[in-house]
C-alpha atoms as a PDB file:
ATOM      1  CA  UNK A   1      -1.747 -41.334 -28.503  1.00  0.00           C
ATOM      2  CA  UNK A   2       0.964 -43.022 -26.464  1.00  0.00           C
ATOM      3  CA  UNK A   3       1.226 -41.838 -22.905  1.00  0.00           C
ATOM      4  CA  UNK A   4       4.389 -41.005 -21.056  1.00  0.00           C
ATOM      5  CA  UNK A   5       4.956 -41.371 -17.348  1.00  0.00           C
ATOM      6  CA  UNK A   6       2.556 -39.232 -15.389  1.00  0.00           C
ATOM      7  CA  UNK A   7       1.580 -38.862 -11.778  1.00  0.00           C
ATOM      8  CA  UNK A   8      -0.431 -42.044 -12.095  1.00  0.00           C
ATOM      9  CA  UNK A   9       2.684 -44.202 -12.456  1.00  0.00           C
ATOM     10  CA  UNK A  10       3.129 -44.666  -8.733  1.00  0.00           C
ATOM     11  CA  UNK A  11       6.543 -45.236  -7.186  1.00  0.00           C
ATOM     12  CA  UNK A  12       8.579 -44.454 -10.319  1.00  0.00           C
ATOM     13  CA  UNK A  13      11.271 -42.510  -8.510  1.00  0.00           C
ATOM     14  CA  UNK A  14      11.731 -45.016  -5.705  1.00  0.00           C
ATOM     15  CA  UNK A  15      11.648 -48.093  -7.920  1.00  0.00           C
ATOM     16  CA  UNK A  16      14.023 -46.602 -10.462  1.00  0.00           C
ATOM     17  CA  UNK A  17      16.340 -45.589  -7.675  1.00  0.00           C
ATOM     18  CA  UNK A  18      16.469 -49.130  -6.346  1.00  0.00           C
ATOM     19  CA  UNK A  19      17.311 -50.357  -9.834  1.00  0.00           C
ATOM     20  CA  UNK A  20      20.642 -48.559  -9.856  1.00  0.00           C
ATOM     21  CA  UNK A  21      23.437 -51.040 -10.251  1.00  0.00           C
ATOM     22  CA  UNK A  22      26.665 -51.386  -8.375  1.00  0.00           C
ATOM     23  CA  UNK A  23      29.339 -50.864 -10.997  1.00  0.00           C
ATOM     24  CA  UNK A  24      33.058 -50.345 -11.025  1.00  0.00           C
ATOM     25  CA  UNK A  25      34.926 -47.633  -9.103  1.00  0.00           C
ATOM     26  CA  UNK A  26      33.614 -44.104  -9.410  1.00  0.00           C
ATOM     27  CA  UNK A  27      30.380 -42.205  -8.789  1.00  0.00           C
ATOM     28  CA  UNK A  28      26.983 -43.804  -9.374  1.00  0.00           C
ATOM     29  CA  UNK A  29      25.703 -43.218 -12.912  1.00  0.00           C
ATOM     30  CA  UNK A  30      22.054 -43.440 -13.868  1.00  0.00           C
ATOM     31  CA  UNK A  31      21.242 -45.952 -16.591  1.00  0.00           C
ATOM     32  CA  UNK A  32      19.607 -44.882 -19.852  1.00  0.00           C
ATOM     33  CA  UNK A  33      16.401 -46.490 -18.662  1.00  0.00           C
ATOM     34  CA  UNK A  34      16.416 -44.377 -15.521  1.00  0.00           C
ATOM     35  CA  UNK A  35      17.068 -41.221 -17.513  1.00  0.00           C
ATOM     36  CA  UNK A  36      14.156 -42.080 -19.816  1.00  0.00           C
ATOM     37  CA  UNK A  37      11.920 -42.532 -16.758  1.00  0.00           C
ATOM     38  CA  UNK A  38      12.867 -39.082 -15.497  1.00  0.00           C
ATOM     39  CA  UNK A  39      11.923 -37.608 -18.889  1.00  0.00           C
ATOM     40  CA  UNK A  40       8.546 -39.355 -18.887  1.00  0.00           C
ATOM     41  CA  UNK A  41       9.317 -41.525 -21.947  1.00  0.00           C
ATOM     42  CA  UNK A  42       7.745 -44.830 -20.933  1.00  0.00           C
ATOM     43  CA  UNK A  43       8.454 -46.793 -24.101  1.00  0.00           C
ATOM     44  CA  UNK A  44      12.093 -45.760 -24.208  1.00  0.00           C
ATOM     45  CA  UNK A  45      12.471 -46.571 -20.503  1.00  0.00           C
ATOM     46  CA  UNK A  46      11.043 -50.056 -21.055  1.00  0.00           C
ATOM     47  CA  UNK A  47      13.267 -50.721 -24.063  1.00  0.00           C
ATOM     48  CA  UNK A  48      16.453 -49.532 -22.368  1.00  0.00           C
ATOM     49  CA  UNK A  49      15.656 -51.491 -19.220  1.00  0.00           C
ATOM     50  CA  UNK A  50      15.066 -54.560 -21.399  1.00  0.00           C
ATOM     51  CA  UNK A  51      18.340 -53.926 -23.212  1.00  0.00           C
ATOM     52  CA  UNK A  52      20.245 -53.852 -19.938  1.00  0.00           C
ATOM     53  CA  UNK A  53      18.562 -56.957 -18.526  1.00  0.00           C
ATOM     54  CA  UNK A  54      18.707 -59.042 -21.702  1.00  0.00           C
ATOM     55  CA  UNK A  55      22.362 -58.172 -22.230  1.00  0.00           C
ATOM     56  CA  UNK A  56      23.143 -59.508 -18.784  1.00  0.00           C
ATOM     57  CA  UNK A  57      20.638 -62.362 -18.319  1.00  0.00           C
ATOM     58  CA  UNK A  58      19.171 -63.362 -21.658  1.00  0.00           C
ATOM     59  CA  UNK A  59      15.696 -63.349 -23.165  1.00  0.00           C
ATOM     60  CA  UNK A  60      13.986 -66.334 -21.599  1.00  0.00           C
ATOM     61  CA  UNK A  61      15.143 -65.720 -18.036  1.00  0.00           C
ATOM     62  CA  UNK A  62      14.125 -62.056 -18.053  1.00  0.00           C
ATOM     63  CA  UNK A  63      10.466 -61.638 -17.160  1.00  0.00           C
ATOM     64  CA  UNK A  64       8.205 -58.773 -18.159  1.00  0.00           C
ATOM     65  CA  UNK A  65       7.250 -58.260 -14.500  1.00  0.00           C
ATOM     66  CA  UNK A  66      10.864 -57.525 -13.603  1.00  0.00           C
ATOM     67  CA  UNK A  67      11.114 -54.915 -16.364  1.00  0.00           C
ATOM     68  CA  UNK A  68       7.895 -53.288 -15.186  1.00  0.00           C
ATOM     69  CA  UNK A  69       9.078 -53.266 -11.575  1.00  0.00           C
ATOM     70  CA  UNK A  70      12.370 -51.628 -12.488  1.00  0.00           C
ATOM     71  CA  UNK A  71      10.745 -48.963 -14.609  1.00  0.00           C
ATOM     72  CA  UNK A  72       7.886 -48.509 -12.162  1.00  0.00           C
ATOM     73  CA  UNK A  73       4.879 -48.798 -14.480  1.00  0.00           C
ATOM     74  CA  UNK A  74       1.818 -51.110 -14.484  1.00  0.00           C
ATOM     75  CA  UNK A  75       1.490 -54.048 -16.866  1.00  0.00           C
ATOM     76  CA  UNK A  76      -1.074 -52.168 -18.913  1.00  0.00           C
ATOM     77  CA  UNK A  77       1.627 -49.675 -19.902  1.00  0.00           C
ATOM     78  CA  UNK A  78       3.744 -52.476 -21.355  1.00  0.00           C
ATOM     79  CA  UNK A  79       0.926 -53.848 -23.525  1.00  0.00           C
ATOM     80  CA  UNK A  80       0.099 -50.329 -24.640  1.00  0.00           C
ATOM     81  CA  UNK A  81       3.424 -50.324 -26.516  1.00  0.00           C
ATOM     82  CA  UNK A  82       4.095 -54.028 -27.227  1.00  0.00           C
ATOM     83  CA  UNK A  83       1.708 -56.811 -28.251  1.00  0.00           C
ATOM     84  CA  UNK A  84       3.827 -59.486 -26.553  1.00  0.00           C
ATOM     85  CA  UNK A  85       7.299 -60.314 -25.285  1.00  0.00           C
ATOM     86  CA  UNK A  86       8.493 -61.276 -28.780  1.00  0.00           C
ATOM     87  CA  UNK A  87       7.676 -57.812 -30.116  1.00  0.00           C
ATOM     88  CA  UNK A  88       9.410 -56.320 -27.096  1.00  0.00           C
ATOM     89  CA  UNK A  89      12.495 -58.417 -27.837  1.00  0.00           C
ATOM     90  CA  UNK A  90      12.585 -57.158 -31.415  1.00  0.00           C
ATOM     91  CA  UNK A  91      12.416 -53.570 -30.130  1.00  0.00           C
ATOM     92  CA  UNK A  92      15.273 -54.257 -27.722  1.00  0.00           C
ATOM     93  CA  UNK A  93      17.420 -55.655 -30.544  1.00  0.00           C
ATOM     94  CA  UNK A  94      16.680 -52.640 -32.743  1.00  0.00           C
ATOM     95  CA  UNK A  95      17.573 -50.332 -29.868  1.00  0.00           C
ATOM     96  CA  UNK A  96      20.881 -52.111 -29.288  1.00  0.00           C
ATOM     97  CA  UNK A  97      21.688 -52.064 -33.016  1.00  0.00           C
ATOM     98  CA  UNK A  98      21.049 -48.323 -33.159  1.00  0.00           C
ATOM     99  CA  UNK A  99      23.260 -47.742 -30.130  1.00  0.00           C
ATOM    100  CA  UNK A 100      26.046 -49.843 -31.665  1.00  0.00           C
ATOM    101  CA  UNK A 101      25.720 -48.122 -35.045  1.00  0.00           C
ATOM    102  CA  UNK A 102      26.328 -44.747 -33.407  1.00  0.00           C
ATOM    103  CA  UNK A 103      29.338 -46.137 -31.568  1.00  0.00           C
ATOM    104  CA  UNK A 104      30.813 -47.613 -34.761  1.00  0.00           C
ATOM    105  CA  UNK A 105      30.289 -44.375 -36.663  1.00  0.00           C
ATOM    106  CA  UNK A 106      32.088 -42.438 -33.937  1.00  0.00           C
ATOM    107  CA  UNK A 107      35.048 -44.819 -33.946  1.00  0.00           C
ATOM    108  CA  UNK A 108      35.378 -46.010 -37.540  1.00  0.00           C
ATOM    109  CA  UNK A 109      34.763 -42.602 -39.128  1.00  0.00           C
ATOM    110  CA  UNK A 110      37.469 -40.873 -37.081  1.00  0.00           C
ATOM    111  CA  UNK A 111      39.897 -39.410 -39.662  1.00  0.00           C
ATOM    112  CA  UNK A 112      42.526 -38.652 -37.017  1.00  0.00           C
ATOM    113  CA  UNK A 113      43.307 -42.374 -36.580  1.00  0.00           C
ATOM    114  CA  UNK A 114      44.689 -44.952 -38.992  1.00  0.00           C
ATOM    115  CA  UNK A 115      42.308 -47.788 -39.935  1.00  0.00           C
ATOM    116  CA  UNK A 116      43.877 -50.390 -37.640  1.00  0.00           C
ATOM    117  CA  UNK A 117      44.088 -47.831 -34.834  1.00  0.00           C
ATOM    118  CA  UNK A 118      40.326 -47.376 -35.168  1.00  0.00           C
ATOM    119  CA  UNK A 119      39.765 -51.112 -34.852  1.00  0.00           C
ATOM    120  CA  UNK A 120      42.045 -51.205 -31.808  1.00  0.00           C
ATOM    121  CA  UNK A 121      40.047 -48.334 -30.293  1.00  0.00           C
ATOM    122  CA  UNK A 122      36.842 -50.296 -30.872  1.00  0.00           C
ATOM    123  CA  UNK A 123      38.338 -53.208 -28.938  1.00  0.00           C
ATOM    124  CA  UNK A 124      39.488 -50.978 -26.071  1.00  0.00           C
ATOM    125  CA  UNK A 125      36.099 -49.254 -25.903  1.00  0.00           C
ATOM    126  CA  UNK A 126      34.360 -52.630 -25.632  1.00  0.00           C
ATOM    127  CA  UNK A 127      36.785 -53.727 -22.919  1.00  0.00           C
ATOM    128  CA  UNK A 128      36.017 -50.620 -20.879  1.00  0.00           C
ATOM    129  CA  UNK A 129      32.304 -51.298 -21.232  1.00  0.00           C
ATOM    130  CA  UNK A 130      32.625 -54.858 -19.969  1.00  0.00           C
ATOM    131  CA  UNK A 131      34.828 -53.750 -17.072  1.00  0.00           C
ATOM    132  CA  UNK A 132      32.294 -51.087 -16.087  1.00  0.00           C
ATOM    133  CA  UNK A 133      29.657 -53.757 -15.481  1.00  0.00           C
ATOM    134  CA  UNK A 134      31.955 -56.290 -13.848  1.00  0.00           C
ATOM    135  CA  UNK A 135      32.022 -58.476 -16.993  1.00  0.00           C
ATOM    136  CA  UNK A 136      28.407 -59.477 -16.345  1.00  0.00           C
ATOM    137  CA  UNK A 137      27.228 -57.951 -19.609  1.00  0.00           C
ATOM    138  CA  UNK A 138      28.499 -59.026 -22.969  1.00  0.00           C
ATOM    139  CA  UNK A 139      27.160 -58.551 -26.478  1.00  0.00           C
ATOM    140  CA  UNK A 140      23.370 -58.695 -26.675  1.00  0.00           C
ATOM    141  CA  UNK A 141      23.474 -60.012 -30.257  1.00  0.00           C
ATOM    142  CA  UNK A 142      25.909 -62.796 -29.364  1.00  0.00           C
ATOM    143  CA  UNK A 143      23.981 -63.676 -26.214  1.00  0.00           C
ATOM    144  CA  UNK A 144      20.632 -63.931 -27.983  1.00  0.00           C
ATOM    145  CA  UNK A 145      22.172 -65.762 -30.919  1.00  0.00           C
ATOM    146  CA  UNK A 146      23.347 -68.552 -28.632  1.00  0.00           C
ATOM    147  CA  UNK A 147      20.096 -68.619 -26.706  1.00  0.00           C
ATOM    148  CA  UNK A 148      17.483 -68.314 -29.456  1.00  0.00           C
ATOM    149  CA  UNK A 149      19.012 -69.478 -32.742  1.00  0.00           C
ATOM    150  CA  UNK A 150      17.509 -72.959 -32.470  1.00  0.00           C
ATOM    151  CA  UNK A 151      14.218 -71.775 -30.964  1.00  0.00           C
ATOM    152  CA  UNK A 152      13.007 -68.881 -33.076  1.00  0.00           C
ATOM    153  CA  UNK A 153      13.739 -68.397 -36.786  1.00  0.00           C
ATOM    154  CA  UNK A 154      12.557 -64.786 -36.795  1.00  0.00           C
ATOM    155  CA  UNK A 155      15.049 -63.855 -34.081  1.00  0.00           C
ATOM    156  CA  UNK A 156      17.763 -65.964 -35.723  1.00  0.00           C
ATOM    157  CA  UNK A 157      17.413 -64.152 -39.046  1.00  0.00           C
ATOM    158  CA  UNK A 158      17.311 -60.742 -37.369  1.00  0.00           C
ATOM    159  CA  UNK A 159      20.443 -61.464 -35.349  1.00  0.00           C
ATOM    160  CA  UNK A 160      22.362 -62.869 -38.325  1.00  0.00           C
ATOM    161  CA  UNK A 161      21.508 -59.755 -40.337  1.00  0.00           C
ATOM    162  CA  UNK A 162      22.981 -57.619 -37.557  1.00  0.00           C
ATOM    163  CA  UNK A 163      26.238 -59.578 -37.501  1.00  0.00           C
ATOM    164  CA  UNK A 164      26.502 -59.338 -41.290  1.00  0.00           C
ATOM    165  CA  UNK A 165      26.105 -55.559 -41.080  1.00  0.00           C
ATOM    166  CA  UNK A 166      28.866 -55.400 -38.461  1.00  0.00           C
ATOM    167  CA  UNK A 167      31.123 -57.528 -40.646  1.00  0.00           C
ATOM    168  CA  UNK A 168      30.536 -55.125 -43.524  1.00  0.00           C
ATOM    169  CA  UNK A 169      31.459 -52.154 -41.310  1.00  0.00           C
ATOM    170  CA  UNK A 170      34.739 -53.686 -40.184  1.00  0.00           C
ATOM    171  CA  UNK A 171      35.523 -54.954 -43.699  1.00  0.00           C
ATOM    172  CA  UNK A 172      35.380 -51.347 -44.886  1.00  0.00           C
ATOM    173  CA  UNK A 173      37.887 -50.381 -42.218  1.00  0.00           C
ATOM    174  CA  UNK A 174      40.182 -53.251 -43.220  1.00  0.00           C
ATOM    175  CA  UNK A 175      40.010 -52.245 -46.883  1.00  0.00           C
ATOM    176  CA  UNK A 176      41.246 -48.804 -45.868  1.00  0.00           C
ATOM    177  CA  UNK A 177      44.061 -50.498 -43.944  1.00  0.00           C
ATOM    178  CA  UNK A 178      45.108 -52.280 -47.138  1.00  0.00           C
ATOM    179  CA  UNK A 179      45.096 -48.996 -49.058  1.00  0.00           C
ATOM    180  CA  UNK A 180      47.396 -47.251 -46.556  1.00  0.00           C
ATOM    181  CA  UNK A 181      49.767 -50.207 -46.224  1.00  0.00           C
ATOM    182  CA  UNK A 182      48.772 -51.451 -42.764  1.00  0.00           C
ATOM    183  CA  UNK A 183      47.645 -54.766 -44.251  1.00  0.00           C
ATOM    184  CA  UNK A 184      49.266 -56.733 -47.049  1.00  0.00           C
ATOM    185  CA  UNK A 185      47.999 -56.225 -50.584  1.00  0.00           C
ATOM    186  CA  UNK A 186      45.737 -59.130 -51.521  1.00  0.00           C
ATOM    187  CA  UNK A 187      44.280 -59.511 -48.017  1.00  0.00           C
ATOM    188  CA  UNK A 188      40.638 -60.610 -48.159  1.00  0.00           C
ATOM    189  CA  UNK A 189      39.013 -57.876 -46.050  1.00  0.00           C
ATOM    190  CA  UNK A 190      35.595 -59.569 -45.953  1.00  0.00           C
ATOM    191  CA  UNK A 191      36.998 -62.920 -44.788  1.00  0.00           C
ATOM    192  CA  UNK A 192      39.247 -61.227 -42.236  1.00  0.00           C
ATOM    193  CA  UNK A 193      36.325 -59.212 -40.883  1.00  0.00           C
ATOM    194  CA  UNK A 194      34.244 -62.366 -40.484  1.00  0.00           C
ATOM    195  CA  UNK A 195      37.145 -64.016 -38.678  1.00  0.00           C
ATOM    196  CA  UNK A 196      37.410 -60.986 -36.379  1.00  0.00           C
ATOM    197  CA  UNK A 197      33.744 -61.135 -35.393  1.00  0.00           C
ATOM    198  CA  UNK A 198      33.716 -64.899 -34.910  1.00  0.00           C
ATOM    199  CA  UNK A 199      36.733 -64.638 -32.624  1.00  0.00           C
ATOM    200  CA  UNK A 200      35.643 -61.464 -30.864  1.00  0.00           C
ATOM    201  CA  UNK A 201      32.192 -62.769 -29.962  1.00  0.00           C
ATOM    202  CA  UNK A 202      33.814 -65.883 -28.525  1.00  0.00           C
ATOM    203  CA  UNK A 203      36.254 -63.764 -26.523  1.00  0.00           C
ATOM    204  CA  UNK A 204      33.389 -61.680 -25.122  1.00  0.00           C
ATOM    205  CA  UNK A 205      31.576 -64.819 -24.002  1.00  0.00           C
ATOM    206  CA  UNK A 206      34.729 -66.177 -22.361  1.00  0.00           C
ATOM    207  CA  UNK A 207      35.325 -62.852 -20.578  1.00  0.00           C
ATOM    208  CA  UNK A 208      31.874 -63.169 -19.006  1.00  0.00           C
ATOM    209  CA  UNK A 209      32.896 -66.595 -17.705  1.00  0.00           C
ATOM    210  CA  UNK A 210      36.319 -65.554 -16.389  1.00  0.00           C
ATOM    211  CA  UNK A 211      35.096 -62.139 -15.160  1.00  0.00           C
ATOM    212  CA  UNK A 212      38.196 -60.436 -16.550  1.00  0.00           C
ATOM    213  CA  UNK A 213      39.658 -59.007 -19.759  1.00  0.00           C
ATOM    214  CA  UNK A 214      42.211 -61.762 -20.382  1.00  0.00           C
ATOM    215  CA  UNK A 215      40.254 -63.504 -23.193  1.00  0.00           C
ATOM    216  CA  UNK A 216      39.672 -60.145 -24.907  1.00  0.00           C
ATOM    217  CA  UNK A 217      43.358 -59.255 -24.718  1.00  0.00           C
ATOM    218  CA  UNK A 218      44.501 -62.688 -25.902  1.00  0.00           C
ATOM    219  CA  UNK A 219      42.314 -62.585 -28.992  1.00  0.00           C
ATOM    220  CA  UNK A 220      43.006 -58.950 -29.878  1.00  0.00           C
ATOM    221  CA  UNK A 221      46.777 -59.183 -29.350  1.00  0.00           C
ATOM    222  CA  UNK A 222      47.085 -62.283 -31.534  1.00  0.00           C
ATOM    223  CA  UNK A 223      44.729 -60.892 -34.198  1.00  0.00           C
ATOM    224  CA  UNK A 224      46.661 -57.659 -34.664  1.00  0.00           C
ATOM    225  CA  UNK A 225      50.031 -59.409 -34.367  1.00  0.00           C
ATOM    226  CA  UNK A 226      49.214 -61.796 -37.208  1.00  0.00           C
ATOM    227  CA  UNK A 227      47.513 -59.432 -39.643  1.00  0.00           C
ATOM    228  CA  UNK A 228      49.546 -56.239 -39.449  1.00  0.00           C
ATOM    229  CA  UNK A 229      52.318 -55.669 -42.002  1.00  0.00           C
ATOM    230  CA  UNK A 230      55.619 -55.621 -40.067  1.00  0.00           C
ATOM    231  CA  UNK A 231      57.574 -52.387 -40.204  1.00  0.00           C
ATOM    232  CA  UNK A 232      60.502 -52.622 -42.664  1.00  0.00           C
ATOM    233  CA  UNK A 233      63.977 -52.945 -41.212  1.00  0.00           C
ATOM    234  CA  UNK A 234      66.250 -49.931 -41.767  1.00  0.00           C
ATOM    235  CA  UNK A 235      68.707 -50.477 -44.645  1.00  0.00           C
ATOM    236  CA  UNK A 236      71.826 -48.642 -45.680  1.00  0.00           C
ATOM    237  CA  UNK A 237      71.913 -46.998 -49.055  1.00  0.00           C
ATOM    238  CA  UNK A 238      74.464 -48.291 -51.628  1.00  0.00           C
ATOM    239  CA  UNK A 239      76.211 -44.895 -51.545  1.00  0.00           C
ATOM    240  CA  UNK A 240      76.668 -45.066 -47.785  1.00  0.00           C
ATOM    241  CA  UNK A 241      78.104 -48.593 -47.997  1.00  0.00           C
ATOM    242  CA  UNK A 242      80.567 -47.561 -50.726  1.00  0.00           C
ATOM    243  CA  UNK A 243      81.699 -44.520 -48.755  1.00  0.00           C
ATOM    244  CA  UNK A 244      82.268 -46.623 -45.630  1.00  0.00           C
ATOM    245  CA  UNK A 245      84.361 -49.162 -47.594  1.00  0.00           C
ATOM    246  CA  UNK A 246      86.544 -46.460 -49.168  1.00  0.00           C
ATOM    247  CA  UNK A 247      87.105 -44.812 -45.783  1.00  0.00           C
ATOM    248  CA  UNK A 248      88.190 -48.108 -44.202  1.00  0.00           C
ATOM    249  CA  UNK A 249      90.647 -48.804 -47.032  1.00  0.00           C
ATOM    250  CA  UNK A 250      92.140 -45.324 -46.737  1.00  0.00           C
ATOM    251  CA  UNK A 251      92.710 -45.839 -43.014  1.00  0.00           C
ATOM    252  CA  UNK A 252      94.474 -49.111 -43.669  1.00  0.00           C
ATOM    253  CA  UNK A 253      97.179 -47.485 -45.799  1.00  0.00           C
END
């Protein structure tokens, strides 16, 4: 039976408290890892702490000892749940994918918004997330893809499968946009979704380098400007034009 945090996990409260990050303006907010610690869920605390660290620093730079120190548990607790760092990394990816799936469901299944408005909301939500952490954190999947694609085929295949699932989710949204007239008939929703994710992941990386939202805004603004069907110009009806002509002629007599 897997053990949670008990009285034997010395210094949990102090260590977790020191792990709180300095974020943007506003009150201090406990991370998911810290909340898991307070509930005594050791595995979840380790995975969320790993998610936060790997999103910011990457897989190879992040050491197991740092995760253990932040969570406040001994090394034996880590190996009780994970055989090695590779297995831990897989758990972190699965955790991030689950978190992102819930976010996408909340945004893309919102019937109160038009399809393109949902995609815009997704972009704005991501921007707020990056701002909250000072643009130090980007997309875990994109980060690990750049770092590990040439080093580990198992990770590479797992990460590519995630991106393909995200492309499918956005393609569904774009197909709805075609149906309601926000995108031109004949638009290839799958190709456009792939283009979105290729560009968006690049913009997220660039935002980490510039430490601001400018790359995100530049990509999103141009993407929506180029794909959206322009609103039709107002036109006069033939009856109105005929009436105006007759009225002008009558005045000229």
